[in-house]
Amino acid sequence: MDVWRLARVLSCRLSPRGSACGGALITASRIRSCGATVLRGNVAHSYFSTGPKVTDSTALVYRTHGDPSQVVQLETLRLPVLEAKSALVKMLAAPINPSDINMIQGK
C-alpha cells in the first residue's frame, strides 16, 4: 500500500465525474445536502469556503511492513492542486478496520 492510498484514510479528493475513493458519483450539491462544507479550488475564500486556503493534510503513513506501533507515523502531506470542477472533502474521522492492521503487518 503506497503513501497516497493510506493518506486517503484522513483526506480524500473527489471529482464530480467520479470518486477517487470508491467509484460513487459525488457532486457538490450532494455534499451540501448532507450538511458538509465544500471547499473549491484551493483559493483563500472561495464561494463555499469559510476559512483560509487548505494546502496540507494530516495522514497516518507507513512505508514498510511491520508492527503498526513501530512503522505507522502521523505526517503532514501537501495536497495536490485541485483541477477545475473538483472538490476537496475533509474527513473528520475514519474507522480502522482489522484488515488495515493486517495490511500494515504485511499479512
N, C-alpha and C. Protein backbone atom coordinates (compact mmCIF):
# COMPACT_ATOMS: atom_id res chain seq x y z
N MET A 1 0.86 -1.18 0.00
CA MET A 1 0.00 0.00 0.00
C MET A 1 0.90 1.23 0.00
N ASP A 2 0.70 2.16 -0.95
CA ASP A 2 1.58 3.31 -1.03
C ASP A 2 1.09 4.45 -0.13
N VAL A 3 1.89 5.50 -0.04
CA VAL A 3 1.62 6.62 0.86
C VAL A 3 0.29 7.30 0.54
N TRP A 4 0.02 7.57 -0.74
CA TRP A 4 -1.20 8.29 -1.10
C TRP A 4 -2.44 7.45 -0.85
N ARG A 5 -2.35 6.14 -1.03
CA ARG A 5 -3.51 5.29 -0.77
C ARG A 5 -3.86 5.32 0.71
N LEU A 6 -2.84 5.28 1.56
CA LEU A 6 -3.09 5.33 3.00
C LEU A 6 -3.51 6.73 3.43
N ALA A 7 -2.99 7.76 2.77
CA ALA A 7 -3.35 9.14 3.13
C ALA A 7 -4.83 9.40 2.92
N ARG A 8 -5.47 8.63 2.03
CA ARG A 8 -6.90 8.81 1.78
C ARG A 8 -7.74 8.44 2.99
N VAL A 9 -7.13 7.80 4.01
CA VAL A 9 -7.87 7.47 5.22
C VAL A 9 -8.40 8.75 5.87
N LEU A 10 -7.58 9.79 5.88
CA LEU A 10 -7.97 11.03 6.55
C LEU A 10 -8.42 12.13 5.60
N SER A 11 -8.01 12.09 4.35
CA SER A 11 -8.49 13.10 3.41
C SER A 11 -8.63 12.47 2.05
N CYS A 12 -9.64 12.88 1.33
CA CYS A 12 -9.94 12.25 0.06
C CYS A 12 -10.38 13.31 -0.94
N ARG A 13 -9.80 13.27 -2.12
CA ARG A 13 -10.14 14.22 -3.16
C ARG A 13 -11.17 13.59 -4.09
N LEU A 14 -12.29 14.25 -4.26
CA LEU A 14 -13.36 13.71 -5.08
C LEU A 14 -13.56 14.57 -6.32
N SER A 15 -13.84 13.94 -7.42
CA SER A 15 -14.11 14.63 -8.68
C SER A 15 -15.59 14.48 -9.00
N PRO A 16 -16.22 15.49 -9.62
CA PRO A 16 -17.63 15.36 -9.97
C PRO A 16 -17.91 14.22 -10.94
N ARG A 17 -16.91 13.79 -11.71
CA ARG A 17 -17.11 12.68 -12.66
C ARG A 17 -17.06 11.34 -11.97
N GLY A 18 -16.58 11.28 -10.76
CA GLY A 18 -16.47 10.01 -10.04
C GLY A 18 -15.64 10.22 -8.81
N SER A 19 -15.50 9.23 -8.02
CA SER A 19 -14.80 9.35 -6.77
C SER A 19 -13.46 8.64 -6.83
N ALA A 20 -12.45 9.29 -6.29
CA ALA A 20 -11.15 8.66 -6.18
C ALA A 20 -11.16 7.65 -5.04
N CYS A 21 -12.22 7.63 -4.25
CA CYS A 21 -12.26 6.80 -3.06
C CYS A 21 -13.24 5.65 -3.13
N GLY A 22 -13.98 5.48 -4.19
CA GLY A 22 -14.91 4.38 -4.17
C GLY A 22 -15.80 4.25 -5.38
N GLY A 23 -15.68 5.14 -6.34
CA GLY A 23 -16.42 4.99 -7.57
C GLY A 23 -17.81 5.59 -7.60
N ALA A 24 -18.34 6.07 -6.48
CA ALA A 24 -19.68 6.66 -6.50
C ALA A 24 -19.61 8.08 -7.04
N LEU A 25 -20.65 8.50 -7.74
CA LEU A 25 -20.71 9.85 -8.27
C LEU A 25 -21.10 10.78 -7.14
N ILE A 26 -20.21 11.70 -6.79
CA ILE A 26 -20.45 12.63 -5.69
C ILE A 26 -20.32 14.04 -6.23
N THR A 27 -21.35 14.85 -6.06
CA THR A 27 -21.34 16.22 -6.54
C THR A 27 -21.37 17.17 -5.35
N ALA A 28 -21.03 18.43 -5.61
CA ALA A 28 -21.03 19.43 -4.54
C ALA A 28 -22.42 19.57 -3.93
N SER A 29 -23.47 19.50 -4.76
CA SER A 29 -24.83 19.64 -4.21
C SER A 29 -25.17 18.47 -3.29
N ARG A 30 -24.70 17.26 -3.62
CA ARG A 30 -24.95 16.10 -2.75
C ARG A 30 -24.20 16.25 -1.44
N ILE A 31 -22.99 16.80 -1.50
CA ILE A 31 -22.20 17.01 -0.29
C ILE A 31 -22.89 18.05 0.60
N ARG A 32 -23.34 19.17 -0.02
CA ARG A 32 -24.01 20.22 0.75
C ARG A 32 -25.31 19.71 1.36
N SER A 33 -26.03 18.84 0.65
CA SER A 33 -27.30 18.32 1.17
C SER A 33 -27.10 17.50 2.44
N CYS A 34 -25.90 17.01 2.65
CA CYS A 34 -25.60 16.26 3.88
C CYS A 34 -25.14 17.17 5.00
N GLY A 35 -25.09 18.49 4.74
CA GLY A 35 -24.67 19.43 5.76
C GLY A 35 -23.18 19.64 5.82
N ALA A 36 -22.44 19.17 4.82
CA ALA A 36 -20.98 19.31 4.82
C ALA A 36 -20.57 20.62 4.17
N THR A 37 -19.37 21.08 4.48
CA THR A 37 -18.80 22.27 3.86
C THR A 37 -18.01 21.85 2.64
N VAL A 38 -18.15 22.58 1.57
CA VAL A 38 -17.43 22.27 0.33
C VAL A 38 -16.37 23.34 0.11
N LEU A 39 -15.13 22.92 -0.03
CA LEU A 39 -14.02 23.83 -0.33
C LEU A 39 -13.64 23.63 -1.79
N ARG A 40 -13.60 24.69 -2.57
CA ARG A 40 -13.31 24.55 -4.00
C ARG A 40 -12.06 25.33 -4.37
N GLY A 41 -11.31 24.78 -5.28
CA GLY A 41 -10.24 25.49 -5.95
C GLY A 41 -9.02 25.87 -5.13
N ASN A 42 -8.92 25.48 -3.88
CA ASN A 42 -7.79 25.83 -3.04
C ASN A 42 -7.51 27.33 -3.06
N VAL A 43 -8.55 28.15 -3.07
CA VAL A 43 -8.38 29.59 -3.03
C VAL A 43 -8.66 30.07 -1.62
N ALA A 44 -8.17 31.26 -1.30
CA ALA A 44 -8.26 31.75 0.07
C ALA A 44 -9.70 31.78 0.60
N HIS A 45 -10.61 32.32 -0.16
CA HIS A 45 -12.01 32.38 0.28
C HIS A 45 -12.91 32.19 -0.93
N SER A 46 -13.11 30.96 -1.33
CA SER A 46 -13.98 30.69 -2.47
C SER A 46 -15.44 30.72 -2.02
N TYR A 47 -16.35 30.50 -2.94
CA TYR A 47 -17.78 30.61 -2.68
C TYR A 47 -18.24 29.76 -1.49
N PHE A 48 -17.77 28.53 -1.39
CA PHE A 48 -18.22 27.63 -0.33
C PHE A 48 -17.30 27.61 0.88
N SER A 49 -16.14 28.20 0.78
CA SER A 49 -15.16 28.14 1.86
C SER A 49 -15.46 29.18 2.92
N THR A 50 -15.28 28.81 4.18
CA THR A 50 -15.45 29.77 5.27
C THR A 50 -14.13 30.02 5.98
N GLY A 51 -13.06 29.42 5.51
CA GLY A 51 -11.78 29.57 6.16
C GLY A 51 -10.66 29.80 5.17
N PRO A 52 -9.45 29.79 5.66
CA PRO A 52 -8.29 30.03 4.80
C PRO A 52 -8.02 28.86 3.86
N LYS A 53 -7.10 29.08 2.95
CA LYS A 53 -6.72 28.09 1.95
C LYS A 53 -6.23 26.80 2.60
N VAL A 54 -6.68 25.67 2.08
CA VAL A 54 -6.28 24.36 2.58
C VAL A 54 -5.18 23.82 1.68
N THR A 55 -3.99 23.60 2.23
CA THR A 55 -2.87 23.11 1.41
C THR A 55 -2.26 21.82 1.94
N ASP A 56 -2.52 21.50 3.20
CA ASP A 56 -1.91 20.33 3.83
C ASP A 56 -2.98 19.41 4.42
N SER A 57 -2.59 18.14 4.61
CA SER A 57 -3.48 17.16 5.22
C SER A 57 -2.67 16.30 6.18
N THR A 58 -3.27 15.92 7.28
CA THR A 58 -2.63 15.03 8.24
C THR A 58 -3.04 13.61 7.90
N ALA A 59 -2.06 12.71 7.87
CA ALA A 59 -2.35 11.32 7.48
C ALA A 59 -1.49 10.36 8.29
N LEU A 60 -2.03 9.16 8.52
CA LEU A 60 -1.25 8.07 9.08
C LEU A 60 -0.57 7.38 7.90
N VAL A 61 0.75 7.28 7.95
CA VAL A 61 1.53 6.79 6.81
C VAL A 61 2.47 5.68 7.27
N TYR A 62 2.60 4.65 6.42
CA TYR A 62 3.66 3.66 6.64
C TYR A 62 4.33 3.38 5.31
N ARG A 63 5.64 3.15 5.36
CA ARG A 63 6.42 2.91 4.14
C ARG A 63 7.00 1.51 4.09
N THR A 64 6.99 0.82 5.23
CA THR A 64 7.45 -0.56 5.29
C THR A 64 6.45 -1.35 6.12
N HIS A 65 6.42 -2.66 5.93
CA HIS A 65 5.54 -3.51 6.71
C HIS A 65 6.18 -3.81 8.06
N GLY A 66 5.35 -4.05 9.07
CA GLY A 66 5.86 -4.39 10.39
C GLY A 66 4.82 -4.12 11.46
N ASP A 67 5.28 -4.05 12.71
CA ASP A 67 4.41 -3.77 13.84
C ASP A 67 3.86 -2.35 13.69
N PRO A 68 2.53 -2.18 13.68
CA PRO A 68 1.95 -0.85 13.47
C PRO A 68 2.48 0.23 14.42
N SER A 69 2.75 -0.13 15.67
CA SER A 69 3.27 0.87 16.61
C SER A 69 4.68 1.33 16.25
N GLN A 70 5.37 0.55 15.42
CA GLN A 70 6.73 0.89 15.01
C GLN A 70 6.79 1.59 13.65
N VAL A 71 5.91 1.21 12.71
CA VAL A 71 6.05 1.69 11.33
C VAL A 71 5.06 2.78 10.93
N VAL A 72 3.94 2.93 11.64
CA VAL A 72 2.95 3.96 11.28
C VAL A 72 3.33 5.28 11.93
N GLN A 73 3.34 6.34 11.11
CA GLN A 73 3.69 7.67 11.59
C GLN A 73 2.61 8.66 11.19
N LEU A 74 2.38 9.66 12.02
CA LEU A 74 1.46 10.74 11.70
C LEU A 74 2.26 11.81 10.97
N GLU A 75 1.87 12.13 9.73
CA GLU A 75 2.61 13.09 8.92
C GLU A 75 1.67 14.13 8.33
N THR A 76 2.24 15.27 8.00
CA THR A 76 1.52 16.30 7.27
C THR A 76 1.95 16.22 5.82
N LEU A 77 0.98 16.03 4.91
CA LEU A 77 1.26 15.89 3.48
C LEU A 77 0.68 17.07 2.72
N ARG A 78 1.39 17.51 1.67
CA ARG A 78 0.87 18.57 0.79
C ARG A 78 -0.24 17.99 -0.07
N LEU A 79 -1.32 18.71 -0.20
CA LEU A 79 -2.42 18.29 -1.07
C LEU A 79 -2.13 18.73 -2.49
N PRO A 80 -2.53 17.94 -3.48
CA PRO A 80 -2.34 18.36 -4.86
C PRO A 80 -3.26 19.54 -5.18
N VAL A 81 -2.87 20.34 -6.16
CA VAL A 81 -3.71 21.46 -6.60
C VAL A 81 -4.95 20.87 -7.28
N LEU A 82 -6.10 21.39 -6.93
CA LEU A 82 -7.35 20.87 -7.49
C LEU A 82 -7.53 21.33 -8.93
N GLU A 83 -8.05 20.43 -9.74
CA GLU A 83 -8.38 20.76 -11.12
C GLU A 83 -9.74 21.45 -11.15
N ALA A 84 -10.10 21.99 -12.31
CA ALA A 84 -11.40 22.62 -12.47
C ALA A 84 -12.50 21.60 -12.18
N LYS A 85 -13.55 22.05 -11.56
CA LYS A 85 -14.71 21.22 -11.23
C LYS A 85 -14.36 20.04 -10.31
N SER A 86 -13.39 20.25 -9.42
CA SER A 86 -13.02 19.25 -8.42
C SER A 86 -13.40 19.78 -7.05
N ALA A 87 -13.54 18.90 -6.10
CA ALA A 87 -13.86 19.29 -4.73
C ALA A 87 -12.94 18.57 -3.77
N LEU A 88 -12.60 19.22 -2.68
CA LEU A 88 -11.79 18.63 -1.63
C LEU A 88 -12.72 18.40 -0.44
N VAL A 89 -12.81 17.17 0.02
CA VAL A 89 -13.70 16.82 1.12
C VAL A 89 -12.86 16.52 2.35
N LYS A 90 -13.13 17.20 3.44
CA LYS A 90 -12.38 17.00 4.67
C LYS A 90 -13.08 15.92 5.50
N MET A 91 -12.33 14.88 5.84
CA MET A 91 -12.86 13.83 6.71
C MET A 91 -12.44 14.14 8.14
N LEU A 92 -13.39 14.13 9.04
CA LEU A 92 -13.09 14.43 10.44
C LEU A 92 -12.71 13.18 11.22
N ALA A 93 -13.15 12.02 10.75
CA ALA A 93 -12.83 10.77 11.43
C ALA A 93 -12.93 9.63 10.43
N ALA A 94 -12.17 8.58 10.67
CA ALA A 94 -12.22 7.39 9.82
C ALA A 94 -11.96 6.17 10.70
N PRO A 95 -12.75 5.12 10.53
CA PRO A 95 -12.56 3.93 11.35
C PRO A 95 -11.32 3.15 10.91
N ILE A 96 -10.79 2.35 11.81
CA ILE A 96 -9.68 1.45 11.48
C ILE A 96 -10.25 0.04 11.47
N ASN A 97 -10.15 -0.61 10.34
CA ASN A 97 -10.65 -1.97 10.17
C ASN A 97 -9.53 -2.95 10.53
N PRO A 98 -9.83 -4.10 11.12
CA PRO A 98 -8.78 -5.08 11.41
C PRO A 98 -7.95 -5.46 10.17
N SER A 99 -8.57 -5.41 8.99
CA SER A 99 -7.80 -5.73 7.78
C SER A 99 -6.76 -4.66 7.48
N ASP A 100 -6.98 -3.41 7.95
CA ASP A 100 -5.97 -2.36 7.80
C ASP A 100 -4.70 -2.74 8.56
N ILE A 101 -4.87 -3.29 9.76
CA ILE A 101 -3.72 -3.71 10.57
C ILE A 101 -2.99 -4.85 9.86
N ASN A 102 -3.73 -5.79 9.27
CA ASN A 102 -3.10 -6.89 8.54
C ASN A 102 -2.27 -6.37 7.37
N MET A 103 -2.79 -5.36 6.65
CA MET A 103 -2.05 -4.77 5.52
C MET A 103 -0.74 -4.15 6.01
N ILE A 104 -0.80 -3.42 7.12
CA ILE A 104 0.40 -2.79 7.67
C ILE A 104 1.42 -3.84 8.08
N GLN A 105 0.95 -4.95 8.65
CA GLN A 105 1.84 -6.02 9.08
C GLN A 105 2.38 -6.83 7.91
N GLY A 106 1.78 -6.67 6.73
CA GLY A 106 2.23 -7.41 5.55
C GLY A 106 1.62 -8.79 5.45
N LYS A 107 0.48 -9.01 6.08
CA LYS A 107 -0.17 -10.33 6.08
C LYS A 107 -1.25 -10.40 5.04
